[in-house]
Amino acid sequence: NWPTAFRSSPMWLLVGGFFICGWTTGLISTHFVPFARDQGISAYHAANAFGLIGGLNIISILVISTLSDRVGRKNPLGIVYAIRGMAYVILVFFRGTIPVYLFAATAGLSWLGSVPLTTALTGEIYGLKKVGILTGVVFLSHQVGAAISIYLAGWFYDQLGTYNFAFVSSA
């Protein structure tokens, strides 16, 4: 029965990982363009860079999903999250149009790649009969992470005048 999954460490690792996933993607979905504009990036380049994230998500999903069918889910998922962390380091330490695009390319290659890995890993660990409810709970943690990061990034920006704290937390 599925409630026993919540007494196991893999479930809490999946929930925690997707909470952080939501934290990082929700934050950037809401605050990326205002951040780039604050850095003197034109609205044109900020929006195009954000669009690049979406376009590279397609490649990410197809490549990472195919790769994970051959090598497993756990290690590729860790790599995806490490790449995403590096993307945020770019935003914190580098300024200008080129770093914004470099962030977008790096983030785009790691953003949605975590979704099929997390879903498949949940099914592999707990079985297909439990994958619906358990994936639902994992995705709920994603949305909670997103909501909290969106709020806190705005709050810290209002208090400190910078997004650096929010992006460091995402890295």
Protein backbone atom coordinates (compact mmCIF):
# COMPACT_ATOMS: atom_id res chain seq x y z
CA ASN A 1 0.00 0.00 0.00
CA TRP A 2 1.28 3.44 -0.95
CA PRO A 3 1.38 5.10 2.51
CA THR A 4 4.35 2.88 3.39
CA ALA A 5 6.35 4.71 0.72
CA PHE A 6 6.32 7.79 2.95
CA ARG A 7 8.29 5.88 5.57
CA SER A 8 11.15 5.24 3.17
CA SER A 9 14.12 7.46 2.42
CA PRO A 10 13.86 7.21 -1.40
CA MET A 11 10.44 8.86 -1.26
CA TRP A 12 11.73 11.76 0.79
CA LEU A 13 14.72 12.13 -1.53
CA LEU A 14 12.35 12.32 -4.49
CA VAL A 15 10.11 14.81 -2.69
CA GLY A 16 13.08 16.92 -1.57
CA GLY A 17 14.70 16.82 -4.99
CA PHE A 18 11.55 17.93 -6.72
CA PHE A 19 10.95 20.63 -4.10
CA ILE A 20 14.34 22.05 -5.09
CA CYS A 21 13.49 21.55 -8.75
CA GLY A 22 10.34 23.61 -8.23
CA TRP A 23 12.33 26.18 -6.27
CA THR A 24 14.76 26.70 -9.14
CA THR A 25 12.30 26.63 -12.03
CA GLY A 26 9.57 28.68 -10.38
CA LEU A 27 12.07 31.33 -9.39
CA ILE A 28 13.45 31.72 -12.88
CA SER A 29 10.03 31.54 -14.56
CA THR A 30 8.89 34.56 -12.59
CA HIS A 31 12.01 36.61 -11.96
CA PHE A 32 14.33 35.96 -14.93
CA VAL A 33 13.21 38.79 -17.20
CA PRO A 34 13.09 41.39 -14.38
CA PHE A 35 16.54 40.20 -13.24
CA ALA A 36 17.96 40.52 -16.75
CA ARG A 37 16.38 43.96 -17.18
CA ASP A 38 17.99 45.04 -13.87
CA GLN A 39 21.34 43.97 -15.34
CA GLY A 40 20.82 46.28 -18.31
CA ILE A 41 19.78 43.50 -20.71
CA SER A 42 17.18 44.59 -23.23
CA ALA A 43 13.70 43.12 -22.98
CA TYR A 44 14.32 41.57 -26.41
CA HIS A 45 17.38 39.62 -25.25
CA ALA A 46 15.84 38.73 -21.88
CA ALA A 47 12.75 37.27 -23.55
CA ASN A 48 14.78 35.49 -26.22
CA ALA A 49 17.04 33.95 -23.59
CA PHE A 50 13.99 32.75 -21.69
CA GLY A 51 12.62 31.29 -24.93
CA LEU A 52 15.93 29.48 -25.42
CA ILE A 53 15.30 27.69 -22.13
CA GLY A 54 12.00 26.39 -23.48
CA GLY A 55 13.45 25.33 -26.80
CA LEU A 56 16.33 23.45 -25.22
CA ASN A 57 13.89 21.69 -22.91
CA ILE A 58 12.71 19.69 -25.92
CA ILE A 59 16.22 18.44 -26.62
CA SER A 60 16.84 17.84 -22.93
CA ILE A 61 13.77 15.66 -22.48
CA LEU A 62 14.47 13.54 -25.54
CA VAL A 63 18.20 13.06 -24.92
CA ILE A 64 18.06 12.54 -21.16
CA SER A 65 15.05 10.20 -21.34
CA THR A 66 16.70 8.08 -24.01
CA LEU A 67 19.99 8.01 -22.12
CA SER A 68 18.28 7.06 -18.86
CA ASP A 69 16.66 4.05 -20.51
CA ARG A 70 20.19 2.75 -21.06
CA VAL A 71 22.07 3.84 -17.94
CA GLY A 72 19.38 4.23 -15.29
CA ARG A 73 17.71 7.24 -13.71
CA LYS A 74 19.54 8.12 -10.50
CA ASN A 75 22.91 9.29 -11.82
CA PRO A 76 21.51 11.26 -14.77
CA LEU A 77 19.10 12.96 -12.36
CA GLY A 78 22.01 14.01 -10.15
CA ILE A 79 23.87 15.32 -13.19
CA VAL A 80 20.81 17.28 -14.35
CA TYR A 81 20.55 18.98 -10.96
CA ALA A 82 24.31 19.70 -10.87
CA ILE A 83 24.14 21.32 -14.31
CA ARG A 84 21.21 23.44 -13.19
CA GLY A 85 23.17 24.54 -10.12
CA MET A 86 26.05 25.61 -12.35
CA ALA A 87 23.63 27.64 -14.45
CA TYR A 88 22.69 29.68 -11.40
CA VAL A 89 26.34 30.26 -10.57
CA ILE A 90 26.62 31.95 -13.97
CA LEU A 91 23.84 34.38 -13.01
CA VAL A 92 25.44 35.24 -9.68
CA PHE A 93 29.02 35.78 -10.83
CA PHE A 94 28.75 37.03 -14.41
CA ARG A 95 26.88 39.97 -15.90
CA GLY A 96 25.90 40.85 -19.43
CA THR A 97 24.01 39.53 -22.41
CA ILE A 98 26.33 36.61 -23.16
CA PRO A 99 26.15 35.18 -19.60
CA VAL A 100 22.35 35.49 -19.69
CA TYR A 101 22.28 33.40 -22.85
CA LEU A 102 24.84 30.99 -21.39
CA PHE A 103 22.62 30.60 -18.33
CA ALA A 104 19.59 30.02 -20.56
CA ALA A 105 21.39 27.35 -22.58
CA THR A 106 22.62 25.57 -19.46
CA ALA A 107 19.30 25.85 -17.65
CA GLY A 108 17.38 24.73 -20.74
CA LEU A 109 19.45 21.56 -20.97
CA SER A 110 18.61 20.70 -17.36
CA TRP A 111 15.16 22.12 -16.68
CA LEU A 112 12.58 19.60 -17.87
CA GLY A 113 15.07 16.75 -18.09
CA SER A 114 14.40 16.06 -14.43
CA VAL A 115 10.69 15.34 -14.97
CA PRO A 116 10.84 12.02 -16.85
CA LEU A 117 13.74 10.88 -14.68
CA THR A 118 11.86 11.57 -11.46
CA THR A 119 8.65 9.99 -12.71
CA ALA A 120 10.42 6.88 -14.00
CA LEU A 121 12.50 6.56 -10.84
CA THR A 122 9.36 6.76 -8.70
CA GLY A 123 7.78 3.96 -10.73
CA GLU A 124 10.91 1.82 -10.59
CA ILE A 125 11.22 2.13 -6.83
CA TYR A 126 7.56 1.78 -5.83
CA GLY A 127 5.92 0.02 -8.75
CA LEU A 128 3.47 1.10 -11.40
CA LYS A 129 0.39 0.59 -9.21
CA LYS A 130 1.63 3.35 -6.87
CA VAL A 131 3.21 5.68 -9.42
CA GLY A 132 0.12 7.87 -9.86
CA ILE A 133 -0.38 8.96 -6.26
CA LEU A 134 3.32 9.05 -5.45
CA THR A 135 4.20 11.10 -8.51
CA GLY A 136 1.32 13.41 -7.59
CA VAL A 137 2.82 13.99 -4.16
CA VAL A 138 6.29 14.47 -5.62
CA PHE A 139 4.90 17.05 -8.06
CA LEU A 140 3.03 18.74 -5.23
CA SER A 141 6.37 19.29 -3.50
CA HIS A 142 7.61 20.83 -6.77
CA GLN A 143 4.81 23.37 -6.76
CA VAL A 144 5.30 24.18 -3.08
CA GLY A 145 9.01 24.79 -3.74
CA ALA A 146 8.13 27.01 -6.68
CA ALA A 147 5.60 29.05 -4.70
CA ILE A 148 8.00 29.63 -1.82
CA SER A 149 10.93 30.61 -4.05
CA ILE A 150 8.83 33.00 -6.13
CA TYR A 151 7.59 34.75 -3.02
CA LEU A 152 10.95 34.86 -1.24
CA ALA A 153 12.83 36.09 -4.31
CA GLY A 154 10.42 38.99 -4.63
CA TRP A 155 10.59 39.72 -0.92
CA PHE A 156 14.39 39.65 -0.83
CA TYR A 157 14.53 41.80 -3.96
CA ASP A 158 12.28 44.37 -2.28
CA GLN A 159 14.43 44.28 0.86
CA LEU A 160 17.92 44.15 -0.69
CA GLY A 161 17.46 45.39 -4.25
CA THR A 162 19.10 42.29 -5.74
CA TYR A 163 18.22 38.79 -6.86
CA ASN A 164 21.65 37.43 -5.87
CA PHE A 165 20.40 35.81 -2.66
CA ALA A 166 17.62 34.02 -4.54
CA PHE A 167 19.95 32.76 -7.25
CA VAL A 168 22.58 31.65 -4.75
CA SER A 169 19.88 29.63 -2.98
CA SER A 170 19.04 28.00 -6.31
CA ALA A 171 22.64 27.16 -7.07
